[in-house]
């Protein structure tokens, strides 16, 4: 098995050309993870004026209320990129993209120059001049999942609960059952240094508005974080957490992230909004946006021009920190591991 190694060099290059992302369409998934063509019932609304005038010191948000049903990550892994492929099957593109993948993959790739702990692995295949990337579960991720403590499980539920609460009015029923299998997904298109990319992303909510159409800047991202108790908490926040936040939001044109700062009992007494544009300017931030985007550009260009050359061959592309190389090799996997037959048969006929 021949392997090719791509170095992960430090970069101080200028910010690459990145076209403002546009929304091609949307779809949803219900509580059974069935594909839904009209996702409007899953699109949440955030009334910023209502929530930012609340006095949470007197009446904090209790993220323990209600029940949260977390999605089965094993099932999600088996889904691969099929939900996005279903949208593409129903909405064939006149201009063939260079890459099709999920936003989460782009986020992981962008963080790579600063990643010291979490590995990643993708199955990659070129089909009809488009390169598709599907995430694979790493041993690190499996171990992390097996070792999830009850408290960590609870913090995950709190994150979903915060999103649910803020997409309602303050006097709404906060004891509802939240099923995280339900989601609203947008499909985006952009260009990075001339490479056309189509990607899907699960979206949290839109700002309350009277406009009939949904634009890129209408979306808002919800996050939770532990309230800072010391300087170390803050340094970890700006070094690791907001790096991921910035990558996720920048990729889809989100301008505002709303964060609920919680204590260890699941109570939020402070809500703060972050301008995505200003996140890299926060005190203590050491990572650089041009390094993240420059690395993403270089990696995708290398995959497109030098690695993923043979159509219908599934490649493995992986990174295992703290190493400084990305490993790629051809596998014996059938193309159906990434692209189901119903997709390839349909696109062949079109």
C-alpha atoms as a PDB file:
ATOM      1  CA  UNK A   1       0.000   0.000   0.000  1.00  0.00           C
ATOM      2  CA  UNK A   2       1.699   3.178  -1.194  1.00  0.00           C
ATOM      3  CA  UNK A   3       1.287   6.233   1.009  1.00  0.00           C
ATOM      4  CA  UNK A   4       1.787   9.874   0.159  1.00  0.00           C
ATOM      5  CA  UNK A   5       2.570  12.407   2.854  1.00  0.00           C
ATOM      6  CA  UNK A   6       1.486  16.021   2.619  1.00  0.00           C
ATOM      7  CA  UNK A   7       3.384  18.350   4.991  1.00  0.00           C
ATOM      8  CA  UNK A   8       1.528  20.744   7.264  1.00  0.00           C
ATOM      9  CA  UNK A   9       3.808  23.764   7.050  1.00  0.00           C
ATOM     10  CA  UNK A  10       3.395  26.922   9.106  1.00  0.00           C
ATOM     11  CA  UNK A  11       2.027  29.646   6.885  1.00  0.00           C
ATOM     12  CA  UNK A  12       2.224  33.401   7.002  1.00  0.00           C
ATOM     13  CA  UNK A  13       0.761  33.882   3.546  1.00  0.00           C
ATOM     14  CA  UNK A  14      -1.957  36.395   2.807  1.00  0.00           C
ATOM     15  CA  UNK A  15      -5.625  35.472   3.115  1.00  0.00           C
ATOM     16  CA  UNK A  16      -6.663  33.475   0.020  1.00  0.00           C
ATOM     17  CA  UNK A  17      -9.459  34.472  -2.315  1.00  0.00           C
ATOM     18  CA  UNK A  18     -12.736  33.302  -0.751  1.00  0.00           C
ATOM     19  CA  UNK A  19     -16.058  34.096  -2.387  1.00  0.00           C
ATOM     20  CA  UNK A  20     -18.924  35.056  -0.102  1.00  0.00           C
ATOM     21  CA  UNK A  21     -20.958  31.853   0.385  1.00  0.00           C
ATOM     22  CA  UNK A  22     -24.407  31.724  -1.165  1.00  0.00           C
ATOM     23  CA  UNK A  23     -27.353  29.553  -0.167  1.00  0.00           C
ATOM     24  CA  UNK A  24     -28.409  27.101  -2.868  1.00  0.00           C
ATOM     25  CA  UNK A  25     -31.264  25.582  -0.900  1.00  0.00           C
ATOM     26  CA  UNK A  26     -32.193  23.689   2.242  1.00  0.00           C
ATOM     27  CA  UNK A  27     -33.589  20.408   3.539  1.00  0.00           C
ATOM     28  CA  UNK A  28     -34.502  18.863   6.864  1.00  0.00           C
ATOM     29  CA  UNK A  29     -34.351  15.616   8.793  1.00  0.00           C
ATOM     30  CA  UNK A  30     -37.084  14.499  11.183  1.00  0.00           C
ATOM     31  CA  UNK A  31     -36.847  12.657  14.486  1.00  0.00           C
ATOM     32  CA  UNK A  32     -36.455   9.337  12.616  1.00  0.00           C
ATOM     33  CA  UNK A  33     -33.666  10.912  10.500  1.00  0.00           C
ATOM     34  CA  UNK A  34     -35.865  10.777   7.413  1.00  0.00           C
ATOM     35  CA  UNK A  35     -35.078  13.311   4.680  1.00  0.00           C
ATOM     36  CA  UNK A  36     -37.547  16.220   4.463  1.00  0.00           C
ATOM     37  CA  UNK A  37     -37.795  18.408   1.359  1.00  0.00           C
ATOM     38  CA  UNK A  38     -39.526  21.314   3.133  1.00  0.00           C
ATOM     39  CA  UNK A  39     -37.583  22.018   6.357  1.00  0.00           C
ATOM     40  CA  UNK A  40     -39.462  25.193   7.344  1.00  0.00           C
ATOM     41  CA  UNK A  41     -40.948  23.599  10.469  1.00  0.00           C
ATOM     42  CA  UNK A  42     -37.411  22.953  11.772  1.00  0.00           C
ATOM     43  CA  UNK A  43     -36.174  26.518  11.254  1.00  0.00           C
ATOM     44  CA  UNK A  44     -35.957  28.220  14.662  1.00  0.00           C
ATOM     45  CA  UNK A  45     -36.231  31.957  15.281  1.00  0.00           C
ATOM     46  CA  UNK A  46     -34.192  34.070  17.707  1.00  0.00           C
ATOM     47  CA  UNK A  47     -35.664  37.285  19.124  1.00  0.00           C
ATOM     48  CA  UNK A  48     -32.472  39.107  20.121  1.00  0.00           C
ATOM     49  CA  UNK A  49     -34.279  42.161  21.487  1.00  0.00           C
ATOM     50  CA  UNK A  50     -36.275  39.993  23.865  1.00  0.00           C
ATOM     51  CA  UNK A  51     -33.365  37.974  25.218  1.00  0.00           C
ATOM     52  CA  UNK A  52     -30.754  40.677  25.633  1.00  0.00           C
ATOM     53  CA  UNK A  53     -33.042  42.693  27.880  1.00  0.00           C
ATOM     54  CA  UNK A  54     -33.572  39.785  30.266  1.00  0.00           C
ATOM     55  CA  UNK A  55     -31.999  40.050  33.747  1.00  0.00           C
ATOM     56  CA  UNK A  56     -30.514  36.586  34.148  1.00  0.00           C
ATOM     57  CA  UNK A  57     -28.817  37.384  37.451  1.00  0.00           C
ATOM     58  CA  UNK A  58     -32.247  37.497  39.077  1.00  0.00           C
ATOM     59  CA  UNK A  59     -33.720  34.623  37.088  1.00  0.00           C
ATOM     60  CA  UNK A  60     -31.024  32.474  35.423  1.00  0.00           C
ATOM     61  CA  UNK A  61     -31.832  30.052  32.630  1.00  0.00           C
ATOM     62  CA  UNK A  62     -32.157  26.520  33.975  1.00  0.00           C
ATOM     63  CA  UNK A  63     -30.761  24.193  31.312  1.00  0.00           C
ATOM     64  CA  UNK A  64     -31.830  21.139  33.322  1.00  0.00           C
ATOM     65  CA  UNK A  65     -35.524  21.577  32.560  1.00  0.00           C
ATOM     66  CA  UNK A  66     -37.100  19.270  30.035  1.00  0.00           C
ATOM     67  CA  UNK A  67     -35.671  16.193  28.355  1.00  0.00           C
ATOM     68  CA  UNK A  68     -33.099  16.034  25.574  1.00  0.00           C
ATOM     69  CA  UNK A  69     -32.898  13.049  23.212  1.00  0.00           C
ATOM     70  CA  UNK A  70     -29.391  13.033  21.750  1.00  0.00           C
ATOM     71  CA  UNK A  71     -28.932  11.731  18.223  1.00  0.00           C
ATOM     72  CA  UNK A  72     -27.228   8.364  17.794  1.00  0.00           C
ATOM     73  CA  UNK A  73     -23.748   9.284  16.595  1.00  0.00           C
ATOM     74  CA  UNK A  74     -23.217   5.748  15.301  1.00  0.00           C
ATOM     75  CA  UNK A  75     -26.241   6.163  13.048  1.00  0.00           C
ATOM     76  CA  UNK A  76     -25.038   9.598  11.958  1.00  0.00           C
ATOM     77  CA  UNK A  77     -21.678   8.110  10.980  1.00  0.00           C
ATOM     78  CA  UNK A  78     -23.422   5.471   8.874  1.00  0.00           C
ATOM     79  CA  UNK A  79     -25.401   8.189   7.094  1.00  0.00           C
ATOM     80  CA  UNK A  80     -22.211   9.693   5.718  1.00  0.00           C
ATOM     81  CA  UNK A  81     -23.071  12.459   3.262  1.00  0.00           C
ATOM     82  CA  UNK A  82     -26.278  10.839   1.999  1.00  0.00           C
ATOM     83  CA  UNK A  83     -28.573  13.675   3.115  1.00  0.00           C
ATOM     84  CA  UNK A  84     -26.540  16.196   1.119  1.00  0.00           C
ATOM     85  CA  UNK A  85     -26.384  13.809  -1.846  1.00  0.00           C
ATOM     86  CA  UNK A  86     -30.174  13.488  -1.770  1.00  0.00           C
ATOM     87  CA  UNK A  87     -30.481  17.255  -2.102  1.00  0.00           C
ATOM     88  CA  UNK A  88     -28.002  17.237  -5.006  1.00  0.00           C
ATOM     89  CA  UNK A  89     -29.893  14.388  -6.675  1.00  0.00           C
ATOM     90  CA  UNK A  90     -33.064  16.458  -6.577  1.00  0.00           C
ATOM     91  CA  UNK A  91     -31.270  19.683  -7.507  1.00  0.00           C
ATOM     92  CA  UNK A  92     -28.624  18.830 -10.125  1.00  0.00           C
ATOM     93  CA  UNK A  93     -26.048  21.570 -10.589  1.00  0.00           C
ATOM     94  CA  UNK A  94     -25.303  23.040 -13.996  1.00  0.00           C
ATOM     95  CA  UNK A  95     -21.772  23.976 -12.946  1.00  0.00           C
ATOM     96  CA  UNK A  96     -19.979  20.940 -11.547  1.00  0.00           C
ATOM     97  CA  UNK A  97     -18.283  21.715  -8.194  1.00  0.00           C
ATOM     98  CA  UNK A  98     -14.735  20.654  -7.406  1.00  0.00           C
ATOM     99  CA  UNK A  99     -15.661  19.445  -3.904  1.00  0.00           C
ATOM    100  CA  UNK A 100     -18.775  18.223  -2.073  1.00  0.00           C
ATOM    101  CA  UNK A 101     -18.664  17.731   1.702  1.00  0.00           C
ATOM    102  CA  UNK A 102     -20.088  18.934   5.015  1.00  0.00           C
ATOM    103  CA  UNK A 103     -19.105  22.133   6.796  1.00  0.00           C
ATOM    104  CA  UNK A 104     -17.760  20.048   9.686  1.00  0.00           C
ATOM    105  CA  UNK A 105     -15.086  18.600   7.401  1.00  0.00           C
ATOM    106  CA  UNK A 106     -14.010  22.055   6.255  1.00  0.00           C
ATOM    107  CA  UNK A 107     -13.866  23.179   9.896  1.00  0.00           C
ATOM    108  CA  UNK A 108     -11.609  20.277  10.898  1.00  0.00           C
ATOM    109  CA  UNK A 109      -9.298  20.929   7.963  1.00  0.00           C
ATOM    110  CA  UNK A 110      -9.067  24.639   8.767  1.00  0.00           C
ATOM    111  CA  UNK A 111      -8.087  23.916  12.394  1.00  0.00           C
ATOM    112  CA  UNK A 112      -5.327  21.467  11.414  1.00  0.00           C
ATOM    113  CA  UNK A 113      -2.341  23.877  11.694  1.00  0.00           C
ATOM    114  CA  UNK A 114      -3.273  24.440  15.358  1.00  0.00           C
ATOM    115  CA  UNK A 115      -4.568  20.946  16.215  1.00  0.00           C
ATOM    116  CA  UNK A 116      -2.477  19.121  18.824  1.00  0.00           C
ATOM    117  CA  UNK A 117      -4.875  16.436  20.023  1.00  0.00           C
ATOM    118  CA  UNK A 118      -7.804  15.437  17.812  1.00  0.00           C
ATOM    119  CA  UNK A 119      -7.049  13.363  14.673  1.00  0.00           C
ATOM    120  CA  UNK A 120      -9.240  13.212  11.600  1.00  0.00           C
ATOM    121  CA  UNK A 121      -9.803  10.724   8.807  1.00  0.00           C
ATOM    122  CA  UNK A 122     -11.794  10.978   5.562  1.00  0.00           C
ATOM    123  CA  UNK A 123     -12.715   8.699   2.702  1.00  0.00           C
ATOM    124  CA  UNK A 124     -12.302  10.650  -0.519  1.00  0.00           C
ATOM    125  CA  UNK A 125     -13.419   9.758  -4.031  1.00  0.00           C
ATOM    126  CA  UNK A 126     -13.446  11.532  -7.373  1.00  0.00           C
ATOM    127  CA  UNK A 127     -16.597  10.966  -9.383  1.00  0.00           C
ATOM    128  CA  UNK A 128     -17.413  12.796 -12.621  1.00  0.00           C
ATOM    129  CA  UNK A 129     -14.842  15.544 -11.917  1.00  0.00           C
ATOM    130  CA  UNK A 130     -16.135  16.223  -8.394  1.00  0.00           C
ATOM    131  CA  UNK A 131     -14.271  15.142  -5.248  1.00  0.00           C
ATOM    132  CA  UNK A 132     -16.468  13.933  -2.368  1.00  0.00           C
ATOM    133  CA  UNK A 133     -15.288  13.708   1.255  1.00  0.00           C
ATOM    134  CA  UNK A 134     -16.920  11.501   3.876  1.00  0.00           C
ATOM    135  CA  UNK A 135     -15.868  11.586   7.546  1.00  0.00           C
ATOM    136  CA  UNK A 136     -14.667   8.350   9.150  1.00  0.00           C
ATOM    137  CA  UNK A 137     -14.675   7.654  12.876  1.00  0.00           C
ATOM    138  CA  UNK A 138     -11.162   7.603  14.332  1.00  0.00           C
ATOM    139  CA  UNK A 139      -9.980   5.436  17.202  1.00  0.00           C
ATOM    140  CA  UNK A 140      -9.560   8.620  19.231  1.00  0.00           C
ATOM    141  CA  UNK A 141     -13.229   9.533  18.656  1.00  0.00           C
ATOM    142  CA  UNK A 142     -14.382   6.023  19.593  1.00  0.00           C
ATOM    143  CA  UNK A 143     -12.382   6.133  22.816  1.00  0.00           C
ATOM    144  CA  UNK A 144     -13.714   9.578  23.658  1.00  0.00           C
ATOM    145  CA  UNK A 145     -17.275   8.392  23.079  1.00  0.00           C
ATOM    146  CA  UNK A 146     -16.782   5.319  25.258  1.00  0.00           C
ATOM    147  CA  UNK A 147     -15.367   7.434  28.076  1.00  0.00           C
ATOM    148  CA  UNK A 148     -18.037  10.136  28.141  1.00  0.00           C
ATOM    149  CA  UNK A 149     -18.831  10.863  31.779  1.00  0.00           C
ATOM    150  CA  UNK A 150     -22.355  11.628  33.013  1.00  0.00           C
ATOM    151  CA  UNK A 151     -21.308  15.254  33.501  1.00  0.00           C
ATOM    152  CA  UNK A 152     -19.984  15.626  29.941  1.00  0.00           C
ATOM    153  CA  UNK A 153     -23.186  14.012  28.689  1.00  0.00           C
ATOM    154  CA  UNK A 154     -25.118  16.579  30.679  1.00  0.00           C
ATOM    155  CA  UNK A 155     -23.125  19.499  29.218  1.00  0.00           C
ATOM    156  CA  UNK A 156     -23.986  18.258  25.722  1.00  0.00           C
ATOM    157  CA  UNK A 157     -27.664  18.270  26.645  1.00  0.00           C
ATOM    158  CA  UNK A 158     -27.309  21.771  28.107  1.00  0.00           C
ATOM    159  CA  UNK A 159     -25.997  23.046  24.774  1.00  0.00           C
ATOM    160  CA  UNK A 160     -29.081  21.807  22.939  1.00  0.00           C
ATOM    161  CA  UNK A 161     -31.334  23.103  25.708  1.00  0.00           C
ATOM    162  CA  UNK A 162     -29.814  26.579  25.441  1.00  0.00           C
ATOM    163  CA  UNK A 163     -30.471  26.579  21.697  1.00  0.00           C
ATOM    164  CA  UNK A 164     -34.065  25.491  22.312  1.00  0.00           C
ATOM    165  CA  UNK A 165     -34.746  28.115  24.983  1.00  0.00           C
ATOM    166  CA  UNK A 166     -33.345  31.029  23.000  1.00  0.00           C
ATOM    167  CA  UNK A 167     -35.456  30.163  19.991  1.00  0.00           C
ATOM    168  CA  UNK A 168     -38.603  30.707  22.072  1.00  0.00           C
ATOM    169  CA  UNK A 169     -40.102  33.609  23.987  1.00  0.00           C
ATOM    170  CA  UNK A 170     -39.145  33.736  27.646  1.00  0.00           C
ATOM    171  CA  UNK A 171     -42.601  32.647  28.814  1.00  0.00           C
ATOM    172  CA  UNK A 172     -42.770  29.590  26.545  1.00  0.00           C
ATOM    173  CA  UNK A 173     -42.857  26.047  27.875  1.00  0.00           C
ATOM    174  CA  UNK A 174     -39.247  25.175  28.703  1.00  0.00           C
ATOM    175  CA  UNK A 175     -40.045  21.588  29.688  1.00  0.00           C
ATOM    176  CA  UNK A 176     -40.524  20.284  26.154  1.00  0.00           C
ATOM    177  CA  UNK A 177     -38.790  17.142  24.932  1.00  0.00           C
ATOM    178  CA  UNK A 178     -36.004  18.102  22.509  1.00  0.00           C
ATOM    179  CA  UNK A 179     -35.108  15.533  19.872  1.00  0.00           C
ATOM    180  CA  UNK A 180     -31.744  16.461  18.351  1.00  0.00           C
ATOM    181  CA  UNK A 181     -32.326  14.134  15.403  1.00  0.00           C
ATOM    182  CA  UNK A 182     -34.479  16.917  13.966  1.00  0.00           C
ATOM    183  CA  UNK A 183     -32.478  19.470  12.040  1.00  0.00           C
ATOM    184  CA  UNK A 184     -32.569  22.233   9.460  1.00  0.00           C
ATOM    185  CA  UNK A 185     -29.749  22.105   6.915  1.00  0.00           C
ATOM    186  CA  UNK A 186     -28.646  24.730   4.421  1.00  0.00           C
ATOM    187  CA  UNK A 187     -26.706  23.943   1.266  1.00  0.00           C
ATOM    188  CA  UNK A 188     -23.983  26.457   0.400  1.00  0.00           C
ATOM    189  CA  UNK A 189     -21.732  27.162  -2.545  1.00  0.00           C
ATOM    190  CA  UNK A 190     -18.496  29.132  -2.469  1.00  0.00           C
ATOM    191  CA  UNK A 191     -15.183  29.413  -4.272  1.00  0.00           C
ATOM    192  CA  UNK A 192     -11.770  29.177  -2.615  1.00  0.00           C
ATOM    193  CA  UNK A 193      -8.996  30.325  -4.959  1.00  0.00           C
ATOM    194  CA  UNK A 194     -11.162  29.338  -7.912  1.00  0.00           C
ATOM    195  CA  UNK A 195     -12.157  25.922  -6.508  1.00  0.00           C
ATOM    196  CA  UNK A 196     -15.945  25.539  -6.356  1.00  0.00           C
ATOM    197  CA  UNK A 197     -17.178  23.942  -3.122  1.00  0.00           C
ATOM    198  CA  UNK A 198     -20.697  22.792  -2.231  1.00  0.00           C
ATOM    199  CA  UNK A 199     -21.290  21.958   1.423  1.00  0.00           C
ATOM    200  CA  UNK A 200     -24.134  21.253   3.804  1.00  0.00           C
ATOM    201  CA  UNK A 201     -24.439  22.701   7.292  1.00  0.00           C
ATOM    202  CA  UNK A 202     -26.904  22.224  10.131  1.00  0.00           C
ATOM    203  CA  UNK A 203     -28.147  25.655  11.198  1.00  0.00           C
ATOM    204  CA  UNK A 204     -29.319  26.755  14.648  1.00  0.00           C
ATOM    205  CA  UNK A 205     -31.734  29.633  13.993  1.00  0.00           C
ATOM    206  CA  UNK A 206     -32.399  32.895  12.179  1.00  0.00           C
ATOM    207  CA  UNK A 207     -32.877  36.342  13.652  1.00  0.00           C
ATOM    208  CA  UNK A 208     -36.519  37.334  13.992  1.00  0.00           C
ATOM    209  CA  UNK A 209     -37.461  39.242  10.845  1.00  0.00           C
ATOM    210  CA  UNK A 210     -40.395  40.093   8.633  1.00  0.00           C
ATOM    211  CA  UNK A 211     -38.483  39.217   5.453  1.00  0.00           C
ATOM    212  CA  UNK A 212     -39.943  36.327   3.434  1.00  0.00           C
ATOM    213  CA  UNK A 213     -36.588  35.071   2.144  1.00  0.00           C
ATOM    214  CA  UNK A 214     -33.646  33.739   4.186  1.00  0.00           C
ATOM    215  CA  UNK A 215     -30.210  35.184   3.484  1.00  0.00           C
ATOM    216  CA  UNK A 216     -26.748  34.161   4.667  1.00  0.00           C
ATOM    217  CA  UNK A 217     -26.504  36.949   7.241  1.00  0.00           C
ATOM    218  CA  UNK A 218     -29.896  36.091   8.795  1.00  0.00           C
ATOM    219  CA  UNK A 219     -28.572  33.022  10.611  1.00  0.00           C
ATOM    220  CA  UNK A 220     -27.262  33.021  14.169  1.00  0.00           C
ATOM    221  CA  UNK A 221     -25.135  30.416  15.938  1.00  0.00           C
ATOM    222  CA  UNK A 222     -25.790  29.383  19.559  1.00  0.00           C
ATOM    223  CA  UNK A 223     -23.014  28.191  21.865  1.00  0.00           C
ATOM    224  CA  UNK A 224     -22.538  27.475  25.562  1.00  0.00           C
ATOM    225  CA  UNK A 225     -19.362  27.701  27.590  1.00  0.00           C
ATOM    226  CA  UNK A 226     -18.395  27.399  31.218  1.00  0.00           C
ATOM    227  CA  UNK A 227     -18.214  30.730  33.006  1.00  0.00           C
ATOM    228  CA  UNK A 228     -14.597  31.855  33.464  1.00  0.00           C
ATOM    229  CA  UNK A 229     -13.332  31.186  36.969  1.00  0.00           C
ATOM    230  CA  UNK A 230      -9.683  32.020  36.340  1.00  0.00           C
ATOM    231  CA  UNK A 231      -7.295  33.184  33.635  1.00  0.00           C
ATOM    232  CA  UNK A 232      -6.591  29.624  32.512  1.00  0.00           C
ATOM    233  CA  UNK A 233     -10.285  29.145  31.674  1.00  0.00           C
ATOM    234  CA  UNK A 234     -10.190  32.246  29.490  1.00  0.00           C
ATOM    235  CA  UNK A 235      -6.944  31.265  27.754  1.00  0.00           C
ATOM    236  CA  UNK A 236      -8.353  27.847  26.846  1.00  0.00           C
ATOM    237  CA  UNK A 237     -11.491  29.565  25.592  1.00  0.00           C
ATOM    238  CA  UNK A 238      -9.684  31.874  23.154  1.00  0.00           C
ATOM    239  CA  UNK A 239      -7.031  29.320  22.160  1.00  0.00           C
ATOM    240  CA  UNK A 240      -9.277  26.371  21.326  1.00  0.00           C
ATOM    241  CA  UNK A 241     -13.003  26.973  21.586  1.00  0.00           C
ATOM    242  CA  UNK A 242     -13.387  30.217  19.656  1.00  0.00           C
ATOM    243  CA  UNK A 243     -11.073  28.940  16.915  1.00  0.00           C
ATOM    244  CA  UNK A 244     -13.669  26.295  16.078  1.00  0.00           C
ATOM    245  CA  UNK A 245     -16.483  28.806  16.499  1.00  0.00           C
ATOM    246  CA  UNK A 246     -14.862  31.218  14.063  1.00  0.00           C
ATOM    247  CA  UNK A 247     -14.189  28.523  11.452  1.00  0.00           C
ATOM    248  CA  UNK A 248     -17.755  27.194  11.612  1.00  0.00           C
ATOM    249  CA  UNK A 249     -19.424  30.582  11.347  1.00  0.00           C
ATOM    250  CA  UNK A 250     -17.066  32.159   8.818  1.00  0.00           C
ATOM    251  CA  UNK A 251     -17.669  29.316   6.373  1.00  0.00           C
ATOM    252  CA  UNK A 252     -21.413  30.021   6.199  1.00  0.00           C
ATOM    253  CA  UNK A 253     -21.332  33.802   6.474  1.00  0.00           C
ATOM    254  CA  UNK A 254     -22.769  33.995   9.996  1.00  0.00           C
ATOM    255  CA  UNK A 255     -22.040  37.373  11.573  1.00  0.00           C
ATOM    256  CA  UNK A 256     -23.103  36.757  15.195  1.00  0.00           C
ATOM    257  CA  UNK A 257     -22.546  33.986  17.747  1.00  0.00           C
ATOM    258  CA  UNK A 258     -24.672  34.074  20.909  1.00  0.00           C
ATOM    259  CA  UNK A 259     -23.049  32.341  23.881  1.00  0.00           C
ATOM    260  CA  UNK A 260     -24.609  31.382  27.187  1.00  0.00           C
ATOM    261  CA  UNK A 261     -22.057  31.219  29.992  1.00  0.00           C
ATOM    262  CA  UNK A 262     -23.144  28.501  32.420  1.00  0.00           C
ATOM    263  CA  UNK A 263     -22.033  27.202  35.786  1.00  0.00           C
ATOM    264  CA  UNK A 264     -21.438  23.545  36.668  1.00  0.00           C
ATOM    265  CA  UNK A 265     -25.073  23.163  37.714  1.00  0.00           C
ATOM    266  CA  UNK A 266     -26.441  24.134  34.305  1.00  0.00           C
ATOM    267  CA  UNK A 267     -27.565  27.690  35.082  1.00  0.00           C
ATOM    268  CA  UNK A 268     -26.893  30.548  32.647  1.00  0.00           C
ATOM    269  CA  UNK A 269     -26.552  33.978  34.217  1.00  0.00           C
ATOM    270  CA  UNK A 270     -24.867  35.732  31.314  1.00  0.00           C
ATOM    271  CA  UNK A 271     -25.525  35.821  27.575  1.00  0.00           C
ATOM    272  CA  UNK A 272     -22.982  37.492  25.324  1.00  0.00           C
ATOM    273  CA  UNK A 273     -22.972  38.039  21.585  1.00  0.00           C
ATOM    274  CA  UNK A 274     -19.726  37.774  19.623  1.00  0.00           C
ATOM    275  CA  UNK A 275     -19.114  39.409  16.265  1.00  0.00           C
ATOM    276  CA  UNK A 276     -17.553  36.710  14.077  1.00  0.00           C
ATOM    277  CA  UNK A 277     -15.472  39.363  12.341  1.00  0.00           C
ATOM    278  CA  UNK A 278     -13.988  40.494  15.665  1.00  0.00           C
ATOM    279  CA  UNK A 279     -13.309  37.067  17.219  1.00  0.00           C
ATOM    280  CA  UNK A 280      -9.700  36.917  15.907  1.00  0.00           C
ATOM    281  CA  UNK A 281      -9.097  40.263  17.658  1.00  0.00           C
ATOM    282  CA  UNK A 282     -10.047  38.960  21.122  1.00  0.00           C
ATOM    283  CA  UNK A 283      -7.351  39.397  23.740  1.00  0.00           C
ATOM    284  CA  UNK A 284      -5.225  36.255  23.994  1.00  0.00           C
ATOM    285  CA  UNK A 285      -6.029  34.848  20.542  1.00  0.00           C
ATOM    286  CA  UNK A 286      -2.826  33.451  18.999  1.00  0.00           C
ATOM    287  CA  UNK A 287      -4.225  31.674  15.927  1.00  0.00           C
ATOM    288  CA  UNK A 288      -4.507  33.479  12.613  1.00  0.00           C
ATOM    289  CA  UNK A 289      -7.397  33.283  10.112  1.00  0.00           C
ATOM    290  CA  UNK A 290      -5.034  33.519   7.124  1.00  0.00           C
ATOM    291  CA  UNK A 291      -3.172  30.421   8.361  1.00  0.00           C
ATOM    292  CA  UNK A 292      -6.422  28.442   8.657  1.00  0.00           C
ATOM    293  CA  UNK A 293      -7.717  29.449   5.250  1.00  0.00           C
ATOM    294  CA  UNK A 294      -4.297  29.227   3.621  1.00  0.00           C
ATOM    295  CA  UNK A 295      -3.906  25.654   4.825  1.00  0.00           C
ATOM    296  CA  UNK A 296      -7.399  24.734   3.621  1.00  0.00           C
ATOM    297  CA  UNK A 297      -6.605  26.177   0.193  1.00  0.00           C
ATOM    298  CA  UNK A 298      -3.264  24.340  -0.052  1.00  0.00           C
ATOM    299  CA  UNK A 299      -4.696  20.999   1.055  1.00  0.00           C
ATOM    300  CA  UNK A 300      -7.707  21.068  -1.264  1.00  0.00           C
ATOM    301  CA  UNK A 301      -5.545  22.182  -4.167  1.00  0.00           C
ATOM    302  CA  UNK A 302      -3.049  19.376  -3.477  1.00  0.00           C
ATOM    303  CA  UNK A 303      -5.817  16.784  -3.272  1.00  0.00           C
ATOM    304  CA  UNK A 304      -7.374  18.050  -6.493  1.00  0.00           C
ATOM    305  CA  UNK A 305      -4.204  18.435  -8.568  1.00  0.00           C
ATOM    306  CA  UNK A 306      -1.782  15.834  -7.169  1.00  0.00           C
ATOM    307  CA  UNK A 307      -3.505  13.116  -5.104  1.00  0.00           C
ATOM    308  CA  UNK A 308      -7.110  12.329  -6.032  1.00  0.00           C
ATOM    309  CA  UNK A 309      -6.477  11.791  -9.732  1.00  0.00           C
ATOM    310  CA  UNK A 310      -8.037   8.403 -10.545  1.00  0.00           C
ATOM    311  CA  UNK A 311     -11.856   8.467 -10.761  1.00  0.00           C
ATOM    312  CA  UNK A 312     -13.952   6.034  -8.687  1.00  0.00           C
ATOM    313  CA  UNK A 313     -11.014   5.065  -6.435  1.00  0.00           C
ATOM    314  CA  UNK A 314     -11.607   5.625  -2.706  1.00  0.00           C
ATOM    315  CA  UNK A 315      -8.644   7.243  -0.977  1.00  0.00           C
ATOM    316  CA  UNK A 316      -7.981   7.515   2.738  1.00  0.00           C
ATOM    317  CA  UNK A 317      -6.789  10.937   3.901  1.00  0.00           C
ATOM    318  CA  UNK A 318      -5.871  11.327   7.566  1.00  0.00           C
ATOM    319  CA  UNK A 319      -4.048  13.465  10.098  1.00  0.00           C
ATOM    320  CA  UNK A 320      -2.801  12.262  13.485  1.00  0.00           C
ATOM    321  CA  UNK A 321      -1.456  15.056  15.697  1.00  0.00           C
ATOM    322  CA  UNK A 322       0.986  16.091  16.917  1.00  0.00           C
ATOM    323  CA  UNK A 323       2.452  14.891  13.614  1.00  0.00           C
ATOM    324  CA  UNK A 324       3.304  17.338  10.875  1.00  0.00           C
ATOM    325  CA  UNK A 325       2.140  15.297   7.863  1.00  0.00           C
ATOM    326  CA  UNK A 326      -1.158  14.288   6.291  1.00  0.00           C
ATOM    327  CA  UNK A 327      -1.190  10.671   5.122  1.00  0.00           C
ATOM    328  CA  UNK A 328      -3.010   9.609   1.942  1.00  0.00           C
ATOM    329  CA  UNK A 329      -3.333   6.219   0.261  1.00  0.00           C
ATOM    330  CA  UNK A 330      -5.588   4.275  -2.089  1.00  0.00           C
ATOM    331  CA  UNK A 331      -7.996   1.799  -0.479  1.00  0.00           C
ATOM    332  CA  UNK A 332      -9.804  -1.274  -1.787  1.00  0.00           C
ATOM    333  CA  UNK A 333     -13.180   0.163  -0.816  1.00  0.00           C
ATOM    334  CA  UNK A 334     -15.910   0.331  -3.418  1.00  0.00           C
ATOM    335  CA  UNK A 335     -17.148   3.764  -4.466  1.00  0.00           C
ATOM    336  CA  UNK A 336     -20.457   2.920  -2.752  1.00  0.00           C
ATOM    337  CA  UNK A 337     -18.663   3.392   0.578  1.00  0.00           C
ATOM    338  CA  UNK A 338     -18.907   7.133  -0.108  1.00  0.00           C
ATOM    339  CA  UNK A 339     -21.518   7.454  -2.866  1.00  0.00           C
ATOM    340  CA  UNK A 340     -24.552   5.127  -2.760  1.00  0.00           C
ATOM    341  CA  UNK A 341     -25.619   3.473  -5.993  1.00  0.00           C
ATOM    342  CA  UNK A 342     -28.874   5.465  -6.127  1.00  0.00           C
ATOM    343  CA  UNK A 343     -26.737   8.601  -6.457  1.00  0.00           C
ATOM    344  CA  UNK A 344     -24.212   7.388  -9.030  1.00  0.00           C
ATOM    345  CA  UNK A 345     -26.898   5.706 -11.146  1.00  0.00           C
ATOM    346  CA  UNK A 346     -28.986   8.871 -11.120  1.00  0.00           C
ATOM    347  CA  UNK A 347     -26.121  11.221 -12.003  1.00  0.00           C
ATOM    348  CA  UNK A 348     -24.887   8.893 -14.735  1.00  0.00           C
ATOM    349  CA  UNK A 349     -28.263   9.167 -16.460  1.00  0.00           C
ATOM    350  CA  UNK A 350     -28.418  12.943 -16.111  1.00  0.00           C
END
